[in-house]
Amino acid sequence: MTLTDAVASPSRALPAHVPVAVVGGGQAGLSLSWHLVQRGIEHVVLERDTIAHEWADARWDTFCLVTPNWQCQLPGWPYRGDDPDGFMVREEVVAFVRDYAASFSPPVHEGVAVTRLAPAAEGGYTLGTSAGELTADQVVLAVGGYHVPVVPPYAAALPPHVVQLHSQQYRSPSRLPDGDVLVVGTGQSGAQIAEDLHLAGRRVHLAVGSAPRIARRYRGRDMVDWLHDMGHYDLPVERHRDGEAARMGTNHYVTGRDGGRDIDLRQFAREGMQLYGPLTGVRDGELTFAPQLAAHLDRADRVDDNAKDLVDAHIERAGLDAPTEPRYTPVWAPETEPASLAADRIAAVVWAIGFRADWSWVRVPVFDGAGYPTHVRGVTAAPGLYVLGLPWLHTWGSGRFAGIARDAEFLADRVTELAASGAATGLDRTLALAAASSAARMA
């Protein structure tokens, strides 16, 4: 059976009205759909491209997960392979998600982009799509928070010969022109792409940002195992020391490549990679960098040490028998910090500085001053409108394979409650929302 056989055909006409519309057919939207299918709630899933297309089309050739396979636990679909402590590569992740869809035949309409969402006059919502308009009593926005690749304005000042691409477009070293490559950013994508180029023998220049790092393994176990046992993936955002600001944080860099290992930028420097501080601009044919390389490397090491402190304390508190392990000792430190790099020295730039959210198509007043959707565990202030799949939606596990099942089930409960109340418009819907929001705060 092909994926197209298992899900609704992209050419199938949309209904004029549905009780529930789920926008986004990635793992978040599919997880919510699974729960709605189990409960017999009529709905559609609107996917602008194809299922798992972000995994298939927006990841590089050697991409793999940075969290162990055992954490891949979608509703009704646990990891079924024979390497739970391994790290699925891109093709395996694509198969995992697509096989999940095929397992329960969700009502997905592929190739349908939602271009506008607004309140309907009679209650509920109107969705403008590339396949026509429909209305829904309730809508779940399962589109994540990474919408538009970020490229700084000063990128236009680079010479025409320099090939520029975002990390989303990077595929392999062989697809870049011969010559030096500058990678800008050291989040998970930037650090792993720099490693990919470095291992291929390319001359790499890396602009190091403020992203933290974490060890792959410590005291006999993967750090993810320790963090899971200590409950870190279950920590609600309200209890995080940074509060809701944690939602805007950068993930730790580490890799699952070749069975998993640390990413040590200092070791890369020893081996010939040229490190710089954050890129600040392009002027007169020179790329300029802030003198913050040493500070960022030191901070990344401190974050790693802090995580190990937590593990040590957990082991002692629980009386566990675990091997001891010496702490990381820096293998390199910058003697000076390069302030500039001639643009004519590089053949390509990979921008790995993230994405920005674009909710401009949502014409419902549920956003804060920074344009972020305000919600409690995905329940917004607009009756029957929810968000799902965002980082730290509820816990650190939210937005990841590790926590999406819990978030989806919680919202499915809210959708079911509102549908059962028969609250389609007016005061009844407002009261139903208040009850849902109260349940979210108490859960």
Protein backbone atom coordinates (compact mmCIF):
# COMPACT_ATOMS: atom_id res chain seq x y z
CA MET A 1 0.00 0.00 0.00
CA THR A 2 1.31 3.45 -0.87
CA LEU A 3 0.90 6.49 1.31
CA THR A 4 -1.54 7.99 -1.18
CA ASP A 5 -3.66 4.85 -0.90
CA ALA A 6 -3.68 5.13 2.88
CA VAL A 7 -4.78 8.76 3.19
CA ALA A 8 -7.35 10.91 1.54
CA SER A 9 -6.46 11.86 -2.01
CA PRO A 10 -5.19 15.43 -2.56
CA SER A 11 -7.70 15.77 -5.39
CA ARG A 12 -10.64 14.83 -3.17
CA ALA A 13 -13.00 17.79 -2.73
CA LEU A 14 -13.06 19.46 0.65
CA PRO A 15 -16.32 19.39 2.56
CA ALA A 16 -18.10 22.72 3.00
CA HIS A 17 -18.11 22.27 6.77
CA VAL A 18 -16.43 19.99 9.30
CA PRO A 19 -16.68 19.83 13.08
CA VAL A 20 -12.88 19.98 13.40
CA ALA A 21 -10.14 21.13 11.02
CA VAL A 22 -6.52 20.27 11.78
CA VAL A 23 -4.03 22.47 9.94
CA GLY A 24 -0.76 20.61 9.38
CA GLY A 25 -0.14 16.96 8.60
CA GLY A 26 3.17 16.45 10.37
CA GLN A 27 3.60 14.31 13.47
CA ALA A 28 1.65 16.82 15.58
CA GLY A 29 -1.39 16.97 13.31
CA LEU A 30 -1.34 13.22 12.77
CA SER A 31 -1.18 12.59 16.52
CA LEU A 32 -4.23 14.77 17.10
CA SER A 33 -6.00 13.08 14.20
CA TRP A 34 -5.31 9.64 15.72
CA HIS A 35 -7.12 10.65 18.89
CA LEU A 36 -10.05 12.12 16.97
CA VAL A 37 -10.34 8.96 14.88
CA GLN A 38 -10.43 6.86 18.06
CA ARG A 39 -13.23 9.07 19.42
CA GLY A 40 -15.23 9.06 16.22
CA ILE A 41 -15.01 12.84 15.78
CA GLU A 42 -15.38 13.95 12.16
CA HIS A 43 -12.46 16.07 11.01
CA VAL A 44 -10.05 16.83 8.20
CA VAL A 45 -6.28 17.31 8.24
CA LEU A 46 -5.07 19.93 5.78
CA GLU A 47 -1.44 19.48 4.70
CA ARG A 48 0.03 22.02 2.29
CA ASP A 49 2.58 19.55 0.93
CA THR A 50 2.85 15.82 1.64
CA ILE A 51 3.05 13.90 4.89
CA ALA A 52 6.57 14.00 6.37
CA HIS A 53 7.76 16.39 3.65
CA GLU A 54 9.72 18.49 6.18
CA TRP A 55 11.70 15.41 7.18
CA ALA A 56 12.13 14.30 3.57
CA ASP A 57 12.78 17.63 1.86
CA ALA A 58 14.21 19.99 4.47
CA ARG A 59 16.97 17.84 6.00
CA TRP A 60 20.47 17.11 4.75
CA ASP A 61 21.58 13.72 3.42
CA THR A 62 23.32 12.56 6.62
CA PHE A 63 20.68 13.94 8.99
CA CYS A 64 19.73 11.82 11.98
CA LEU A 65 17.81 12.36 15.19
CA VAL A 66 19.69 13.68 18.21
CA THR A 67 17.36 11.90 20.64
CA PRO A 68 17.27 8.09 20.95
CA ASN A 69 14.75 6.08 18.99
CA TRP A 70 12.94 4.92 22.12
CA GLN A 71 11.68 8.48 22.55
CA CYS A 72 9.73 8.22 19.29
CA GLN A 73 6.34 7.47 20.81
CA LEU A 74 3.40 8.73 18.75
CA PRO A 75 -0.15 7.84 19.89
CA GLY A 76 -0.72 4.20 19.10
CA TRP A 77 2.63 4.00 17.35
CA PRO A 78 5.71 3.34 19.52
CA TYR A 79 9.13 2.81 17.98
CA ARG A 80 9.09 -0.70 16.52
CA GLY A 81 12.67 -1.15 15.38
CA ASP A 82 15.49 -3.18 16.85
CA ASP A 83 17.74 -0.29 17.90
CA PRO A 84 15.92 1.67 20.63
CA ASP A 85 19.13 3.34 21.79
CA GLY A 86 20.16 4.30 18.26
CA PHE A 87 19.26 7.37 16.22
CA MET A 88 17.07 7.14 13.14
CA VAL A 89 18.51 8.64 9.96
CA ARG A 90 16.42 10.83 7.68
CA GLU A 91 14.92 8.05 5.58
CA GLU A 92 13.95 6.09 8.69
CA VAL A 93 12.22 9.11 10.22
CA VAL A 94 10.28 9.68 7.01
CA ALA A 95 9.20 6.03 6.99
CA PHE A 96 8.27 6.18 10.68
CA VAL A 97 5.91 9.12 10.16
CA ARG A 98 4.44 7.87 6.87
CA ASP A 99 3.92 4.36 8.22
CA TYR A 100 2.15 5.93 11.18
CA ALA A 101 -0.27 7.68 8.84
CA ALA A 102 -0.84 4.46 6.92
CA SER A 103 -1.63 2.63 10.17
CA PHE A 104 -4.92 4.46 10.80
CA SER A 105 -5.78 6.23 7.52
CA PRO A 106 -6.34 9.78 8.77
CA PRO A 107 -8.56 12.07 6.66
CA VAL A 108 -5.62 13.99 5.23
CA HIS A 109 -5.92 16.30 2.26
CA GLU A 110 -2.39 16.69 0.91
CA GLY A 111 -1.44 19.63 -1.27
CA VAL A 112 -3.97 21.92 0.46
CA ALA A 113 -2.47 25.12 1.87
CA VAL A 114 -4.48 27.14 4.39
CA THR A 115 -4.09 30.80 3.46
CA ARG A 116 -6.56 32.44 5.84
CA LEU A 117 -8.27 31.64 9.12
CA ALA A 118 -10.91 33.99 10.50
CA PRO A 119 -13.97 33.84 12.75
CA ALA A 120 -17.15 32.88 10.93
CA ALA A 121 -20.18 35.13 11.38
CA GLU A 122 -22.34 32.24 12.54
CA GLY A 123 -19.73 30.93 14.97
CA GLY A 124 -16.69 28.75 14.47
CA TYR A 125 -14.12 29.58 11.81
CA THR A 126 -13.74 30.09 8.09
CA LEU A 127 -10.64 28.64 6.44
CA GLY A 128 -9.52 29.91 3.07
CA THR A 129 -7.42 27.27 1.31
CA SER A 130 -5.80 26.59 -2.03
CA ALA A 131 -8.63 24.11 -2.67
CA GLY A 132 -11.51 26.36 -1.69
CA GLU A 133 -13.19 27.60 1.45
CA LEU A 134 -14.63 25.62 4.33
CA THR A 135 -15.90 26.28 7.82
CA ALA A 136 -15.18 24.41 11.05
CA ASP A 137 -16.51 24.55 14.57
CA GLN A 138 -13.03 24.01 15.98
CA VAL A 139 -9.54 24.39 14.53
CA VAL A 140 -6.20 22.99 15.66
CA LEU A 141 -3.12 24.77 14.30
CA ALA A 142 -0.50 22.02 14.17
CA VAL A 143 2.02 23.90 12.06
CA GLY A 144 4.87 24.24 14.55
CA GLY A 145 6.69 27.52 15.05
CA TYR A 146 9.44 27.38 12.43
CA HIS A 147 7.89 28.89 9.33
CA VAL A 148 10.21 31.27 7.48
CA PRO A 149 13.99 30.69 7.15
CA VAL A 150 15.97 33.61 8.55
CA VAL A 151 18.64 35.23 6.38
CA PRO A 152 20.00 38.59 7.57
CA PRO A 153 19.58 41.69 5.37
CA TYR A 154 23.34 42.16 5.03
CA ALA A 155 23.53 38.86 3.13
CA ALA A 156 22.80 40.95 0.03
CA ALA A 157 26.19 42.65 0.46
CA LEU A 158 28.12 39.43 -0.20
CA PRO A 159 29.80 39.14 -3.63
CA PRO A 160 27.71 37.48 -6.36
CA HIS A 161 30.11 34.52 -6.62
CA VAL A 162 29.29 33.40 -3.06
CA VAL A 163 26.57 30.74 -3.08
CA GLN A 164 24.15 31.31 -0.23
CA LEU A 165 21.66 28.84 1.20
CA HIS A 166 19.73 28.32 4.40
CA SER A 167 20.28 25.21 6.51
CA GLN A 168 16.86 24.06 5.30
CA GLN A 169 18.31 23.91 1.76
CA TYR A 170 21.63 22.26 2.60
CA ARG A 171 21.95 18.67 1.39
CA SER A 172 25.61 17.60 1.22
CA PRO A 173 29.18 18.94 0.82
CA SER A 174 29.28 17.70 -2.78
CA ARG A 175 26.44 20.02 -3.77
CA LEU A 176 28.39 23.12 -2.76
CA PRO A 177 31.00 24.71 -5.03
CA ASP A 178 34.66 23.95 -4.40
CA GLY A 179 36.31 26.21 -1.87
CA ASP A 180 35.89 27.38 1.72
CA VAL A 181 32.46 27.31 3.34
CA LEU A 182 31.20 29.63 6.06
CA VAL A 183 28.55 28.21 8.39
CA VAL A 184 26.75 30.84 10.45
CA GLY A 185 25.19 29.60 13.69
CA THR A 186 25.83 26.73 16.09
CA GLY A 187 22.40 25.47 17.02
CA GLN A 188 21.71 21.83 16.28
CA SER A 189 21.60 22.33 12.51
CA GLY A 190 24.59 24.65 12.26
CA ALA A 191 26.86 22.51 14.43
CA GLN A 192 25.93 19.30 12.61
CA ILE A 193 26.28 20.85 9.15
CA ALA A 194 29.70 22.22 10.10
CA GLU A 195 30.65 18.71 11.22
CA ASP A 196 29.29 17.21 7.98
CA LEU A 197 31.44 19.56 5.90
CA HIS A 198 34.46 19.08 8.15
CA LEU A 199 34.30 15.28 7.93
CA ALA A 200 34.11 15.58 4.15
CA GLY A 201 37.44 17.40 4.16
CA ARG A 202 36.05 20.84 3.39
CA ARG A 203 37.70 23.96 4.76
CA VAL A 204 35.09 25.28 7.20
CA HIS A 205 34.72 28.69 8.83
CA LEU A 206 32.18 28.65 11.67
CA ALA A 207 30.54 31.69 13.26
CA VAL A 208 29.83 30.48 16.80
CA GLY A 209 26.63 31.64 18.46
CA SER A 210 25.36 31.34 22.01
CA ALA A 211 23.81 27.87 21.70
CA PRO A 212 24.58 25.51 24.60
CA ARG A 213 26.07 22.06 24.23
CA ILE A 214 25.51 18.81 26.06
CA ALA A 215 27.44 15.54 26.25
CA ARG A 216 26.10 12.58 24.35
CA ARG A 217 26.86 10.19 27.19
CA TYR A 218 27.92 10.49 30.79
CA ARG A 219 28.54 7.96 33.53
CA GLY A 220 27.56 4.98 31.45
CA ARG A 221 24.33 6.24 29.86
CA ASP A 222 23.03 8.59 27.22
CA MET A 223 22.30 11.99 28.72
CA VAL A 224 18.75 11.77 27.38
CA ASP A 225 18.23 8.66 29.52
CA TRP A 226 19.38 10.50 32.61
CA LEU A 227 17.27 13.60 31.84
CA HIS A 228 14.23 11.41 31.21
CA ASP A 229 14.66 9.60 34.53
CA MET A 230 15.03 12.93 36.33
CA GLY A 231 11.76 14.17 34.84
CA HIS A 232 13.19 17.00 32.77
CA TYR A 233 11.06 16.16 29.73
CA ASP A 234 7.98 16.39 31.95
CA LEU A 235 8.89 19.81 33.40
CA PRO A 236 6.05 22.29 32.69
CA VAL A 237 7.15 25.58 31.21
CA GLU A 238 5.64 27.42 34.20
CA ARG A 239 8.20 25.72 36.46
CA HIS A 240 11.19 26.47 34.23
CA ARG A 241 13.52 29.03 35.75
CA ASP A 242 13.07 31.22 32.66
CA GLY A 243 9.32 30.78 32.53
CA GLU A 244 7.73 31.22 29.12
CA ALA A 245 10.98 32.74 27.82
CA ALA A 246 12.23 29.14 27.61
CA ARG A 247 10.07 28.78 24.50
CA MET A 248 12.46 31.02 22.61
CA GLY A 249 15.63 29.23 23.72
CA THR A 250 18.10 27.41 21.49
CA ASN A 251 18.51 23.66 21.74
CA HIS A 252 21.78 22.08 22.86
CA TYR A 253 24.07 20.89 20.11
CA VAL A 254 24.98 17.20 20.03
CA THR A 255 24.66 14.50 17.38
CA GLY A 256 23.32 10.99 16.88
CA ARG A 257 25.59 10.44 13.89
CA ASP A 258 27.48 7.13 13.73
CA GLY A 259 25.80 5.92 16.89
CA GLY A 260 25.94 9.26 18.69
CA ARG A 261 28.74 11.45 20.01
CA ASP A 262 29.56 14.88 21.36
CA ILE A 263 30.04 17.82 19.01
CA ASP A 264 33.23 19.44 20.25
CA LEU A 265 33.87 22.72 18.46
CA ARG A 266 37.22 23.07 20.22
CA GLN A 267 38.35 19.76 18.76
CA PHE A 268 37.21 20.89 15.32
CA ALA A 269 39.41 23.96 15.75
CA ARG A 270 42.39 21.75 16.63
CA GLU A 271 41.76 19.86 13.41
CA GLY A 272 41.73 22.98 11.27
CA MET A 273 38.23 24.44 11.40
CA GLN A 274 38.39 28.23 11.77
CA LEU A 275 36.14 29.53 14.54
CA TYR A 276 34.84 33.08 14.94
CA GLY A 277 32.44 34.91 17.20
CA PRO A 278 28.94 35.77 15.97
CA LEU A 279 28.74 37.31 12.50
CA THR A 280 27.77 40.97 12.73
CA GLY A 281 27.73 42.14 9.11
CA VAL A 282 29.42 42.58 5.75
CA ARG A 283 31.31 45.76 4.93
CA ASP A 284 33.65 46.60 2.07
CA GLY A 285 34.07 42.95 1.12
CA GLU A 286 34.79 41.85 4.70
CA LEU A 287 32.63 39.73 6.98
CA THR A 288 32.88 41.07 10.52
CA PHE A 289 32.55 39.15 13.79
CA ALA A 290 31.92 40.05 17.41
CA PRO A 291 34.76 39.22 19.84
CA GLN A 292 32.67 36.69 21.76
CA LEU A 293 34.11 33.35 20.62
CA ALA A 294 35.84 32.48 23.90
CA ALA A 295 32.81 33.57 25.93
CA HIS A 296 30.43 31.43 23.89
CA LEU A 297 32.67 28.37 24.02
CA ASP A 298 33.07 28.75 27.77
CA ARG A 299 29.34 29.19 28.28
CA ALA A 300 28.58 26.06 26.26
CA ASP A 301 30.99 24.12 28.47
CA ARG A 302 29.36 25.48 31.63
CA VAL A 303 25.92 24.35 30.46
CA ASP A 304 27.34 20.88 29.82
CA ASP A 305 28.92 20.86 33.28
CA ASN A 306 25.67 21.98 34.89
CA ALA A 307 23.82 19.08 33.28
CA LYS A 308 26.44 16.68 34.59
CA ASP A 309 26.09 18.20 38.07
CA LEU A 310 22.39 17.34 37.94
CA VAL A 311 23.19 13.76 36.95
CA ASP A 312 25.77 13.40 39.73
CA ALA A 313 23.27 14.67 42.29
CA HIS A 314 20.58 12.31 40.96
CA ILE A 315 22.90 9.31 41.17
CA GLU A 316 23.91 10.16 44.72
CA ARG A 317 20.36 10.90 45.85
CA ALA A 318 19.00 7.65 44.40
CA GLY A 319 21.99 5.58 45.55
CA LEU A 320 22.63 4.31 42.02
CA ASP A 321 25.64 2.26 41.01
CA ALA A 322 27.10 4.16 38.07
CA PRO A 323 30.70 4.41 36.85
CA THR A 324 32.55 7.61 37.57
CA GLU A 325 33.79 9.74 34.72
CA PRO A 326 36.18 12.70 34.54
CA ARG A 327 34.78 16.02 33.40
CA TYR A 328 35.55 17.48 30.02
CA THR A 329 38.81 19.37 29.74
CA PRO A 330 38.95 21.98 26.96
CA VAL A 331 41.31 20.82 24.23
CA TRP A 332 41.65 24.24 22.58
CA ALA A 333 41.08 27.89 23.34
CA PRO A 334 41.43 30.89 21.03
CA GLU A 335 44.63 32.86 21.54
CA THR A 336 43.13 35.73 19.56
CA GLU A 337 39.68 36.26 18.10
CA PRO A 338 39.54 36.97 14.37
CA ALA A 339 37.56 40.12 13.69
CA SER A 340 36.99 39.68 9.98
CA LEU A 341 37.12 37.35 6.98
CA ALA A 342 37.56 38.44 3.39
CA ALA A 343 34.42 37.50 1.47
CA ASP A 344 36.46 36.51 -1.59
CA ARG A 345 37.99 33.66 0.48
CA ILE A 346 34.72 31.74 0.68
CA ALA A 347 32.72 29.96 -1.99
CA ALA A 348 29.50 29.42 -0.03
CA VAL A 349 27.62 30.44 3.10
CA VAL A 350 25.17 28.22 4.99
CA TRP A 351 22.86 30.36 7.12
CA ALA A 352 21.91 28.31 10.19
CA ILE A 353 20.40 31.06 12.31
CA GLY A 354 16.93 29.63 12.56
CA PHE A 355 13.43 30.52 11.49
CA ARG A 356 10.80 33.09 12.33
CA ALA A 357 7.15 32.39 12.88
CA ASP A 358 4.57 33.68 10.41
CA TRP A 359 1.02 33.71 11.73
CA SER A 360 -0.14 36.53 9.45
CA TRP A 361 -2.76 34.27 7.88
CA VAL A 362 -4.49 33.78 11.25
CA ARG A 363 -6.98 36.64 11.61
CA VAL A 364 -7.95 35.82 15.18
CA PRO A 365 -6.74 37.99 18.12
CA VAL A 366 -4.83 35.36 20.09
CA PHE A 367 -1.28 36.75 19.81
CA ASP A 368 0.95 38.65 22.20
CA GLY A 369 2.91 41.80 21.33
CA ALA A 370 5.69 39.72 19.78
CA GLY A 371 3.28 37.79 17.55
CA TYR A 372 3.40 34.58 19.59
CA PRO A 373 0.09 32.73 20.10
CA THR A 374 -0.95 33.02 23.73
CA HIS A 375 -2.29 29.80 25.15
CA VAL A 376 -2.46 27.48 28.14
CA ARG A 377 -1.31 24.01 27.09
CA GLY A 378 -2.39 24.82 23.54
CA VAL A 379 -5.82 26.23 24.47
CA THR A 380 -6.07 29.80 23.17
CA ALA A 381 -8.44 32.55 24.30
CA ALA A 382 -10.53 32.08 21.15
CA PRO A 383 -13.25 29.45 21.66
CA GLY A 384 -12.39 26.26 19.79
CA LEU A 385 -8.98 27.40 18.53
CA TYR A 386 -5.86 25.51 19.61
CA VAL A 387 -2.14 25.29 18.82
CA LEU A 388 -0.09 22.11 18.86
CA GLY A 389 3.52 21.12 18.17
CA LEU A 390 5.19 24.28 19.48
CA PRO A 391 8.41 24.10 21.51
CA TRP A 392 7.56 24.12 25.21
CA LEU A 393 3.83 24.08 24.44
CA HIS A 394 3.55 22.49 27.88
CA THR A 395 6.84 20.74 28.72
CA TRP A 396 10.36 20.36 27.34
CA GLY A 397 9.10 17.27 25.53
CA SER A 398 6.50 19.30 23.63
CA GLY A 399 7.25 19.77 19.95
CA ARG A 400 9.36 16.60 20.00
CA PHE A 401 8.52 12.99 19.41
CA ALA A 402 8.96 12.57 23.17
CA GLY A 403 6.00 14.70 24.23
CA ILE A 404 3.68 15.17 21.30
CA ALA A 405 1.43 12.25 22.29
CA ARG A 406 0.62 13.79 25.68
CA ASP A 407 -0.05 17.22 24.19
CA ALA A 408 -2.25 15.76 21.46
CA GLU A 409 -4.29 13.75 23.93
CA PHE A 410 -4.83 16.78 26.14
CA LEU A 411 -6.12 18.87 23.23
CA ALA A 412 -8.23 15.99 21.94
CA ASP A 413 -9.92 15.97 25.35
CA ARG A 414 -10.64 19.71 25.05
CA VAL A 415 -11.94 19.31 21.50
CA THR A 416 -14.18 16.44 22.62
CA GLU A 417 -15.53 18.37 25.60
CA LEU A 418 -16.42 21.40 23.51
CA ALA A 419 -18.00 19.27 20.81
CA ALA A 420 -20.05 17.34 23.37
CA SER A 421 -21.29 20.54 24.98
CA GLY A 422 -22.97 21.53 21.72
CA ALA A 423 -21.58 25.01 22.27
CA ALA A 424 -21.40 26.32 18.74
CA THR A 425 -21.77 30.06 19.27
CA GLY A 426 -22.02 32.89 21.74
CA LEU A 427 -22.03 32.62 25.50
CA ASP A 428 -22.16 28.82 25.61
CA ARG A 429 -18.89 28.62 23.67
CA THR A 430 -17.28 31.21 25.93
CA LEU A 431 -18.28 29.23 29.01
CA ALA A 432 -16.96 26.02 27.43
CA LEU A 433 -13.67 27.76 26.71
CA ALA A 434 -13.40 28.95 30.29
CA ALA A 435 -13.86 25.38 31.48
CA ALA A 436 -11.23 24.13 29.03
CA SER A 437 -8.78 26.83 30.09
CA SER A 438 -9.38 26.01 33.76
CA ALA A 439 -8.72 22.34 33.06
CA ALA A 440 -5.50 23.28 31.29
CA ARG A 441 -4.24 25.27 34.26
CA MET A 442 -5.09 22.56 36.75
CA ALA A 443 -3.69 19.61 34.76
